[in-house]
């Protein structure tokens, strides 16, 4: 299959907040619903997160005008508090998120397997936009 040979995509951001705050903002459903969208005309009305190995998560992402929505979810394969999260999406693609403690700030790096439908640049741009929203939200907490 062609998917197995595709190069993973990486996005990253440095969040001006300590790692414990970043970790909490990333993983608490009440926070996830505040930042998990790629553009202002979308939102995340629902999130659940069982943050442990073999635990599941689901976030509903929806257009604010009600025209479209989908659930983004998966199963965790590895969780190291304040350091690493790895999971498989429902379609089998793998994702790894590394949290790097930089004292008063935290670098978050996400690496994920691309899907076959959209161009790599679009996927990278969408995931980066969500990460940028996360950065903005977390820094304002």
C-alpha atoms as a PDB file:
ATOM      1  CA  UNK A   1       0.000   0.000   0.000  1.00  0.00           C
ATOM      2  CA  UNK A   2       1.144   3.491  -0.798  1.00  0.00           C
ATOM      3  CA  UNK A   3       0.148   4.882   2.624  1.00  0.00           C
ATOM      4  CA  UNK A   4       2.861   2.919   4.430  1.00  0.00           C
ATOM      5  CA  UNK A   5       5.623   4.672   2.499  1.00  0.00           C
ATOM      6  CA  UNK A   6       4.357   8.236   2.967  1.00  0.00           C
ATOM      7  CA  UNK A   7       6.536  10.578   4.974  1.00  0.00           C
ATOM      8  CA  UNK A   8       4.998  11.672   8.276  1.00  0.00           C
ATOM      9  CA  UNK A   9       4.049  15.352   8.645  1.00  0.00           C
ATOM     10  CA  UNK A  10       5.365  17.444  11.554  1.00  0.00           C
ATOM     11  CA  UNK A  11       4.015  20.650  13.086  1.00  0.00           C
ATOM     12  CA  UNK A  12       5.287  22.422  16.182  1.00  0.00           C
ATOM     13  CA  UNK A  13       4.891  25.495  18.355  1.00  0.00           C
ATOM     14  CA  UNK A  14       6.505  26.976  21.435  1.00  0.00           C
ATOM     15  CA  UNK A  15       3.864  27.868  24.007  1.00  0.00           C
ATOM     16  CA  UNK A  16       4.789  30.556  26.518  1.00  0.00           C
ATOM     17  CA  UNK A  17       3.533  28.574  29.507  1.00  0.00           C
ATOM     18  CA  UNK A  18       5.021  25.960  31.854  1.00  0.00           C
ATOM     19  CA  UNK A  19       4.704  22.325  30.848  1.00  0.00           C
ATOM     20  CA  UNK A  20       2.111  21.389  33.525  1.00  0.00           C
ATOM     21  CA  UNK A  21      -0.260  24.106  32.240  1.00  0.00           C
ATOM     22  CA  UNK A  22       0.334  23.079  28.617  1.00  0.00           C
ATOM     23  CA  UNK A  23      -0.291  19.394  29.417  1.00  0.00           C
ATOM     24  CA  UNK A  24      -3.535  20.206  31.248  1.00  0.00           C
ATOM     25  CA  UNK A  25      -4.781  22.513  28.488  1.00  0.00           C
ATOM     26  CA  UNK A  26      -3.994  19.865  25.856  1.00  0.00           C
ATOM     27  CA  UNK A  27      -5.778  17.025  27.650  1.00  0.00           C
ATOM     28  CA  UNK A  28      -8.739  18.350  29.659  1.00  0.00           C
ATOM     29  CA  UNK A  29     -12.004  18.121  27.646  1.00  0.00           C
ATOM     30  CA  UNK A  30     -13.186  21.530  28.958  1.00  0.00           C
ATOM     31  CA  UNK A  31     -10.053  23.062  27.419  1.00  0.00           C
ATOM     32  CA  UNK A  32     -10.059  20.961  24.227  1.00  0.00           C
ATOM     33  CA  UNK A  33     -13.466  22.363  23.255  1.00  0.00           C
ATOM     34  CA  UNK A  34     -12.019  25.886  23.470  1.00  0.00           C
ATOM     35  CA  UNK A  35      -9.056  25.494  21.099  1.00  0.00           C
ATOM     36  CA  UNK A  36      -9.582  22.465  18.819  1.00  0.00           C
ATOM     37  CA  UNK A  37     -10.472  24.097  15.495  1.00  0.00           C
ATOM     38  CA  UNK A  38      -8.493  25.188  12.462  1.00  0.00           C
ATOM     39  CA  UNK A  39     -10.494  28.310  11.624  1.00  0.00           C
ATOM     40  CA  UNK A  40     -12.891  30.749  13.352  1.00  0.00           C
ATOM     41  CA  UNK A  41     -15.933  29.366  11.491  1.00  0.00           C
ATOM     42  CA  UNK A  42     -15.439  25.947  13.164  1.00  0.00           C
ATOM     43  CA  UNK A  43     -15.681  24.821  16.770  1.00  0.00           C
ATOM     44  CA  UNK A  44     -15.383  21.714  18.935  1.00  0.00           C
ATOM     45  CA  UNK A  45     -18.712  21.346  20.756  1.00  0.00           C
ATOM     46  CA  UNK A  46     -17.777  18.038  22.405  1.00  0.00           C
ATOM     47  CA  UNK A  47     -14.643  16.313  23.725  1.00  0.00           C
ATOM     48  CA  UNK A  48     -13.958  13.251  25.842  1.00  0.00           C
ATOM     49  CA  UNK A  49     -10.527  11.968  26.822  1.00  0.00           C
ATOM     50  CA  UNK A  50      -9.449   8.818  28.692  1.00  0.00           C
ATOM     51  CA  UNK A  51      -5.744   9.674  28.844  1.00  0.00           C
ATOM     52  CA  UNK A  52      -4.022   6.332  29.464  1.00  0.00           C
ATOM     53  CA  UNK A  53      -2.569   3.483  27.418  1.00  0.00           C
ATOM     54  CA  UNK A  54      -5.473   1.834  25.543  1.00  0.00           C
ATOM     55  CA  UNK A  55      -7.735   4.753  26.564  1.00  0.00           C
ATOM     56  CA  UNK A  56      -9.883   6.403  23.896  1.00  0.00           C
ATOM     57  CA  UNK A  57     -10.547  10.001  22.988  1.00  0.00           C
ATOM     58  CA  UNK A  58     -13.072  11.743  20.772  1.00  0.00           C
ATOM     59  CA  UNK A  59     -13.519  15.358  19.763  1.00  0.00           C
ATOM     60  CA  UNK A  60     -16.428  16.529  17.629  1.00  0.00           C
ATOM     61  CA  UNK A  61     -15.346  19.192  15.159  1.00  0.00           C
ATOM     62  CA  UNK A  62     -18.147  21.146  13.490  1.00  0.00           C
ATOM     63  CA  UNK A  63     -18.812  24.095  11.233  1.00  0.00           C
ATOM     64  CA  UNK A  64     -20.493  26.810  13.328  1.00  0.00           C
ATOM     65  CA  UNK A  65     -23.223  27.165  10.690  1.00  0.00           C
ATOM     66  CA  UNK A  66     -24.199  23.514  11.234  1.00  0.00           C
ATOM     67  CA  UNK A  67     -23.364  22.482   7.663  1.00  0.00           C
ATOM     68  CA  UNK A  68     -20.818  19.789   8.539  1.00  0.00           C
ATOM     69  CA  UNK A  69     -19.313  17.953  11.503  1.00  0.00           C
ATOM     70  CA  UNK A  70     -17.134  14.940  12.180  1.00  0.00           C
ATOM     71  CA  UNK A  71     -15.659  13.086  15.134  1.00  0.00           C
ATOM     72  CA  UNK A  72     -11.885  12.943  15.468  1.00  0.00           C
ATOM     73  CA  UNK A  73     -10.821  10.078  17.691  1.00  0.00           C
ATOM     74  CA  UNK A  74      -8.430   7.293  18.428  1.00  0.00           C
ATOM     75  CA  UNK A  75      -6.797   5.005  20.976  1.00  0.00           C
ATOM     76  CA  UNK A  76      -3.694   5.834  23.001  1.00  0.00           C
ATOM     77  CA  UNK A  77      -0.698   3.530  22.625  1.00  0.00           C
ATOM     78  CA  UNK A  78       1.607   5.480  24.946  1.00  0.00           C
ATOM     79  CA  UNK A  79       1.164   8.218  27.559  1.00  0.00           C
ATOM     80  CA  UNK A  80       4.068   9.685  29.527  1.00  0.00           C
ATOM     81  CA  UNK A  81       2.741  12.621  31.593  1.00  0.00           C
ATOM     82  CA  UNK A  82       4.223  15.997  30.608  1.00  0.00           C
ATOM     83  CA  UNK A  83       6.372  14.299  27.940  1.00  0.00           C
ATOM     84  CA  UNK A  84       4.708  12.176  25.280  1.00  0.00           C
ATOM     85  CA  UNK A  85       1.387  11.053  23.850  1.00  0.00           C
ATOM     86  CA  UNK A  86       1.132   8.499  21.039  1.00  0.00           C
ATOM     87  CA  UNK A  87      -2.075   7.197  19.498  1.00  0.00           C
ATOM     88  CA  UNK A  88      -3.637   5.568  16.484  1.00  0.00           C
ATOM     89  CA  UNK A  89      -6.483   7.391  14.790  1.00  0.00           C
ATOM     90  CA  UNK A  90      -9.616   5.433  13.945  1.00  0.00           C
ATOM     91  CA  UNK A  91      -8.319   4.929  10.379  1.00  0.00           C
ATOM     92  CA  UNK A  92      -5.047   3.412  11.695  1.00  0.00           C
ATOM     93  CA  UNK A  93      -2.771   6.387  11.080  1.00  0.00           C
ATOM     94  CA  UNK A  94      -0.266   7.051  13.865  1.00  0.00           C
ATOM     95  CA  UNK A  95       0.298  10.304  15.768  1.00  0.00           C
ATOM     96  CA  UNK A  96       3.045  11.221  18.233  1.00  0.00           C
ATOM     97  CA  UNK A  97       3.079  14.391  20.333  1.00  0.00           C
ATOM     98  CA  UNK A  98       6.221  15.387  22.223  1.00  0.00           C
ATOM     99  CA  UNK A  99       6.094  17.980  25.022  1.00  0.00           C
ATOM    100  CA  UNK A 100       9.501  19.552  25.658  1.00  0.00           C
ATOM    101  CA  UNK A 101      10.019  21.509  28.892  1.00  0.00           C
ATOM    102  CA  UNK A 102      11.865  24.775  28.154  1.00  0.00           C
ATOM    103  CA  UNK A 103      11.499  26.111  31.735  1.00  0.00           C
ATOM    104  CA  UNK A 104       8.951  28.935  31.356  1.00  0.00           C
ATOM    105  CA  UNK A 105       7.791  27.716  27.945  1.00  0.00           C
ATOM    106  CA  UNK A 106       6.978  24.380  26.331  1.00  0.00           C
ATOM    107  CA  UNK A 107       7.619  23.118  22.816  1.00  0.00           C
ATOM    108  CA  UNK A 108       4.880  20.894  21.424  1.00  0.00           C
ATOM    109  CA  UNK A 109       5.757  18.822  18.346  1.00  0.00           C
ATOM    110  CA  UNK A 110       3.151  16.688  16.582  1.00  0.00           C
ATOM    111  CA  UNK A 111       4.135  14.100  13.981  1.00  0.00           C
ATOM    112  CA  UNK A 112       1.359  12.321  12.112  1.00  0.00           C
ATOM    113  CA  UNK A 113       0.829   9.996   9.174  1.00  0.00           C
ATOM    114  CA  UNK A 114      -0.836  11.794   6.246  1.00  0.00           C
ATOM    115  CA  UNK A 115      -4.141  10.662   4.783  1.00  0.00           C
ATOM    116  CA  UNK A 116      -4.752  10.073   1.074  1.00  0.00           C
ATOM    117  CA  UNK A 117      -7.586  12.536   0.411  1.00  0.00           C
ATOM    118  CA  UNK A 118      -6.062  15.990   0.875  1.00  0.00           C
ATOM    119  CA  UNK A 119      -2.701  17.439  -0.225  1.00  0.00           C
ATOM    120  CA  UNK A 120       0.119  17.219   2.348  1.00  0.00           C
ATOM    121  CA  UNK A 121       0.363  21.033   2.479  1.00  0.00           C
ATOM    122  CA  UNK A 122      -3.332  21.300   3.358  1.00  0.00           C
ATOM    123  CA  UNK A 123      -3.024  18.675   6.099  1.00  0.00           C
ATOM    124  CA  UNK A 124       0.074  20.346   7.538  1.00  0.00           C
ATOM    125  CA  UNK A 125      -1.623  23.759   7.390  1.00  0.00           C
ATOM    126  CA  UNK A 126      -4.758  22.489   9.148  1.00  0.00           C
ATOM    127  CA  UNK A 127      -2.885  20.761  11.959  1.00  0.00           C
ATOM    128  CA  UNK A 128      -0.596  23.793  12.368  1.00  0.00           C
ATOM    129  CA  UNK A 129      -3.627  26.107  12.560  1.00  0.00           C
ATOM    130  CA  UNK A 130      -5.120  23.969  15.342  1.00  0.00           C
ATOM    131  CA  UNK A 131      -1.774  23.961  17.172  1.00  0.00           C
ATOM    132  CA  UNK A 132      -1.549  27.753  16.775  1.00  0.00           C
ATOM    133  CA  UNK A 133      -5.075  28.059  18.266  1.00  0.00           C
ATOM    134  CA  UNK A 134      -3.917  25.863  21.144  1.00  0.00           C
ATOM    135  CA  UNK A 135      -0.912  28.145  21.709  1.00  0.00           C
ATOM    136  CA  UNK A 136      -3.054  31.300  21.704  1.00  0.00           C
ATOM    137  CA  UNK A 137      -5.693  29.783  24.003  1.00  0.00           C
ATOM    138  CA  UNK A 138      -3.188  28.329  26.497  1.00  0.00           C
ATOM    139  CA  UNK A 139      -1.115  31.520  26.713  1.00  0.00           C
ATOM    140  CA  UNK A 140      -4.287  33.504  27.568  1.00  0.00           C
ATOM    141  CA  UNK A 141      -5.376  31.134  30.383  1.00  0.00           C
END
